[in-house]
PDB file of N, CA and C in Angstrom:
ATOM      1  N   MET A   1     -43.753 255.585 113.001  1.00  0.00           N
ATOM      2  CA  MET A   1     -43.004 254.969 111.946  1.00  0.00           C
ATOM      3  C   MET A   1     -43.884 254.438 111.265  1.00  0.00           C
ATOM      4  N   LEU A   2     -45.094 253.159 111.824  1.00  0.00           N
ATOM      5  CA  LEU A   2     -45.962 252.220 111.184  1.00  0.00           C
ATOM      6  C   LEU A   2     -47.068 252.641 110.812  1.00  0.00           C
ATOM      7  N   GLN A   3     -47.343 254.032 110.331  1.00  0.00           N
ATOM      8  CA  GLN A   3     -48.734 254.265 110.155  1.00  0.00           C
ATOM      9  C   GLN A   3     -49.840 253.801 109.258  1.00  0.00           C
ATOM     10  N   ASP A   4     -49.442 253.180 108.240  1.00  0.00           N
ATOM     11  CA  ASP A   4     -50.170 253.126 107.356  1.00  0.00           C
ATOM     12  C   ASP A   4     -50.006 251.293 106.719  1.00  0.00           C
ATOM     13  N   THR A   5     -49.964 250.527 107.844  1.00  0.00           N
ATOM     14  CA  THR A   5     -49.726 249.583 107.647  1.00  0.00           C
ATOM     15  C   THR A   5     -51.146 248.777 107.253  1.00  0.00           C
ATOM     16  N   LYS A   6     -52.459 249.169 107.935  1.00  0.00           N
ATOM     17  CA  LYS A   6     -53.661 248.508 107.478  1.00  0.00           C
ATOM     18  C   LYS A   6     -54.126 248.742 106.231  1.00  0.00           C
ATOM     19  N   LYS A   7     -53.849 249.741 105.431  1.00  0.00           N
ATOM     20  CA  LYS A   7     -54.067 250.125 104.036  1.00  0.00           C
ATOM     21  C   LYS A   7     -53.231 249.456 103.218  1.00  0.00           C
ATOM     22  N   PRO A   8     -53.847 247.990 102.312  1.00  0.00           N
ATOM     23  CA  PRO A   8     -52.757 247.574 101.126  1.00  0.00           C
ATOM     24  C   PRO A   8     -52.097 248.607 100.419  1.00  0.00           C
ATOM     25  N   GLY A   9     -51.187 248.733 100.171  1.00  0.00           N
ATOM     26  CA  GLY A   9     -50.646 249.710  99.123  1.00  0.00           C
ATOM     27  C   GLY A   9     -50.182 251.122  99.868  1.00  0.00           C
ATOM     28  N   GLY A  10     -50.804 251.272 100.940  1.00  0.00           N
ATOM     29  CA  GLY A  10     -50.689 252.590 101.834  1.00  0.00           C
ATOM     30  C   GLY A  10     -49.688 253.743 101.033  1.00  0.00           C
ATOM     31  N   ASP A  11     -49.116 254.398 101.763  1.00  0.00           N
ATOM     32  CA  ASP A  11     -48.150 255.628 101.533  1.00  0.00           C
ATOM     33  C   ASP A  11     -46.770 254.986 100.736  1.00  0.00           C
ATOM     34  N   PRO A  12     -46.735 255.464  99.829  1.00  0.00           N
ATOM     35  CA  PRO A  12     -45.349 255.147  98.874  1.00  0.00           C
ATOM     36  C   PRO A  12     -44.364 255.446  99.460  1.00  0.00           C
ATOM     37  N   GLY A  13     -44.234 256.715 100.623  1.00  0.00           N
ATOM     38  CA  GLY A  13     -43.182 256.711 101.193  1.00  0.00           C
ATOM     39  C   GLY A  13     -42.741 255.805 102.223  1.00  0.00           C
ATOM     40  N   PHE A  14     -43.770 254.979 103.066  1.00  0.00           N
ATOM     41  CA  PHE A  14     -43.550 254.096 103.816  1.00  0.00           C
ATOM     42  C   PHE A  14     -43.074 252.935 102.971  1.00  0.00           C
ATOM     43  N   PHE A  15     -43.597 252.806 102.057  1.00  0.00           N
ATOM     44  CA  PHE A  15     -43.105 251.546 101.286  1.00  0.00           C
ATOM     45  C   PHE A  15     -41.807 251.572 100.743  1.00  0.00           C
ATOM     46  N   ILE A  16     -41.217 252.676 100.396  1.00  0.00           N
ATOM     47  CA  ILE A  16     -39.814 253.071 100.290  1.00  0.00           C
ATOM     48  C   ILE A  16     -39.023 253.017 101.411  1.00  0.00           C
ATOM     49  N   PHE A  17     -39.491 253.515 102.803  1.00  0.00           N
ATOM     50  CA  PHE A  17     -38.728 253.395 103.506  1.00  0.00           C
ATOM     51  C   PHE A  17     -38.692 251.953 104.251  1.00  0.00           C
ATOM     52  N   SER A  18     -39.507 251.089 104.013  1.00  0.00           N
ATOM     53  CA  SER A  18     -39.960 249.403 104.487  1.00  0.00           C
ATOM     54  C   SER A  18     -38.657 248.999 103.466  1.00  0.00           C
ATOM     55  N   ALA A  19     -38.650 249.241 102.465  1.00  0.00           N
ATOM     56  CA  ALA A  19     -37.968 248.309 101.283  1.00  0.00           C
ATOM     57  C   ALA A  19     -36.633 248.613 101.835  1.00  0.00           C
ATOM     58  N   LEU A  20     -36.189 250.167 101.815  1.00  0.00           N
ATOM     59  CA  LEU A  20     -34.805 250.596 102.464  1.00  0.00           C
ATOM     60  C   LEU A  20     -34.594 249.897 103.577  1.00  0.00           C
ATOM     61  N   PHE A  21     -35.369 249.927 104.664  1.00  0.00           N
ATOM     62  CA  PHE A  21     -35.220 249.071 105.827  1.00  0.00           C
ATOM     63  C   PHE A  21     -34.385 247.518 105.831  1.00  0.00           C
ATOM     64  N   LYS A  22     -35.408 247.138 104.876  1.00  0.00           N
ATOM     65  CA  LYS A  22     -35.208 245.607 104.811  1.00  0.00           C
ATOM     66  C   LYS A  22     -33.723 245.498 104.078  1.00  0.00           C
ATOM     67  N   ALA A  23     -33.572 246.174 103.102  1.00  0.00           N
ATOM     68  CA  ALA A  23     -32.160 246.014 102.027  1.00  0.00           C
ATOM     69  C   ALA A  23     -31.048 246.189 103.103  1.00  0.00           C
ATOM     70  N   ASP A  24     -31.657 247.509 104.421  1.00  0.00           N
ATOM     71  CA  ASP A  24     -30.285 247.658 105.095  1.00  0.00           C
ATOM     72  C   ASP A  24     -30.195 246.090 106.133  1.00  0.00           C
ATOM     73  N   GLU A  25     -31.107 245.792 106.465  1.00  0.00           N
ATOM     74  CA  GLU A  25     -31.103 244.589 107.646  1.00  0.00           C
ATOM     75  C   GLU A  25     -30.481 243.312 106.476  1.00  0.00           C
ATOM     76  N   ILE A  26     -30.730 243.347 105.577  1.00  0.00           N
ATOM     77  CA  ILE A  26     -30.071 242.137 104.678  1.00  0.00           C
ATOM     78  C   ILE A  26     -28.541 242.220 104.417  1.00  0.00           C
ATOM     79  N   ALA A  27     -28.196 243.739 103.965  1.00  0.00           N
ATOM     80  CA  ALA A  27     -26.765 244.324 104.270  1.00  0.00           C
ATOM     81  C   ALA A  27     -25.979 243.773 105.524  1.00  0.00           C
ATOM     82  N   ALA A  28     -26.860 244.119 106.607  1.00  0.00           N
ATOM     83  CA  ALA A  28     -25.869 243.764 107.884  1.00  0.00           C
ATOM     84  C   ALA A  28     -25.927 242.628 107.963  1.00  0.00           C
ATOM     85  N   LEU A  29     -26.795 241.640 107.383  1.00  0.00           N
ATOM     86  CA  LEU A  29     -26.460 240.011 107.732  1.00  0.00           C
ATOM     87  C   LEU A  29     -25.522 239.777 106.645  1.00  0.00           C
ATOM     88  N   ALA A  30     -25.621 240.210 105.663  1.00  0.00           N
ATOM     89  CA  ALA A  30     -24.571 239.892 104.578  1.00  0.00           C
ATOM     90  C   ALA A  30     -23.102 240.109 104.942  1.00  0.00           C
ATOM     91  N   SER A  31     -23.062 241.537 105.490  1.00  0.00           N
ATOM     92  CA  SER A  31     -21.509 241.795 106.015  1.00  0.00           C
ATOM     93  C   SER A  31     -21.200 240.916 107.268  1.00  0.00           C
ATOM     94  N   ARG A  32     -22.201 240.710 107.862  1.00  0.00           N
ATOM     95  CA  ARG A  32     -21.668 240.115 109.024  1.00  0.00           C
ATOM     96  C   ARG A  32     -21.246 238.706 108.929  1.00  0.00           C
ATOM     97  N   LYS A  33     -21.965 237.879 108.028  1.00  0.00           N
ATOM     98  CA  LYS A  33     -21.651 236.762 107.408  1.00  0.00           C
ATOM     99  C   LYS A  33     -20.132 236.865 106.720  1.00  0.00           C
ATOM    100  N   TRP A  34     -19.846 237.839 105.729  1.00  0.00           N
ATOM    101  CA  TRP A  34     -18.592 237.706 105.242  1.00  0.00           C
ATOM    102  C   TRP A  34     -17.666 238.181 106.130  1.00  0.00           C
ATOM    103  N   TRP A  35     -17.754 238.978 106.973  1.00  0.00           N
ATOM    104  CA  TRP A  35     -16.872 238.805 107.903  1.00  0.00           C
ATOM    105  C   TRP A  35     -16.250 237.863 109.111  1.00  0.00           C
ATOM    106  N   SER A  36     -17.318 236.979 109.447  1.00  0.00           N
ATOM    107  CA  SER A  36     -17.448 235.934 109.885  1.00  0.00           C
ATOM    108  C   SER A  36     -16.354 234.729 109.256  1.00  0.00           C
ATOM    109  N   LEU A  37     -16.782 234.746 108.017  1.00  0.00           N
ATOM    110  CA  LEU A  37     -16.060 233.977 107.200  1.00  0.00           C
ATOM    111  C   LEU A  37     -14.602 234.289 106.844  1.00  0.00           C
ATOM    112  N   ARG A  38     -14.295 235.809 106.955  1.00  0.00           N
ATOM    113  CA  ARG A  38     -13.386 236.539 106.897  1.00  0.00           C
ATOM    114  C   ARG A  38     -12.205 236.339 108.098  1.00  0.00           C
ATOM    115  N   THR A  39     -13.007 236.359 109.302  1.00  0.00           N
ATOM    116  CA  THR A  39     -12.057 236.167 110.474  1.00  0.00           C
ATOM    117  C   THR A  39     -11.882 234.636 110.937  1.00  0.00           C
ATOM    118  N   GLY A  40     -12.833 233.836 110.050  1.00  0.00           N
ATOM    119  CA  GLY A  40     -12.914 232.412 110.753  1.00  0.00           C
ATOM    120  C   GLY A  40     -13.836 232.211 112.034  1.00  0.00           C
ATOM    121  N   ALA A  41     -14.367 233.182 112.402  1.00  0.00           N
ATOM    122  CA  ALA A  41     -15.004 233.183 113.690  1.00  0.00           C
ATOM    123  C   ALA A  41     -16.342 233.559 113.305  1.00  0.00           C
ATOM    124  N   GLU A  42     -17.532 232.475 114.393  1.00  0.00           N
ATOM    125  CA  GLU A  42     -18.748 232.693 114.067  1.00  0.00           C
ATOM    126  C   GLU A  42     -19.495 233.790 114.896  1.00  0.00           C
ATOM    127  N   CYS A  43     -19.846 234.818 114.205  1.00  0.00           N
ATOM    128  CA  CYS A  43     -20.338 235.850 115.109  1.00  0.00           C
ATOM    129  C   CYS A  43     -22.033 235.560 115.218  1.00  0.00           C
ATOM    130  N   THR A  44     -22.628 235.582 116.251  1.00  0.00           N
ATOM    131  CA  THR A  44     -24.066 235.427 116.775  1.00  0.00           C
ATOM    132  C   THR A  44     -24.661 236.857 116.798  1.00  0.00           C
TER     133      THR A  44
END
């Protein structure tokens, strides 16, 4: 999955993929935080 990491600006498809992956990661963290606030329990 990580072919074009050496080339700066590499494959636009890879850039989009990594951006989506990062957004998904942030969304998962945010929902986990929201859920822990909602339930009042701290999820690790």
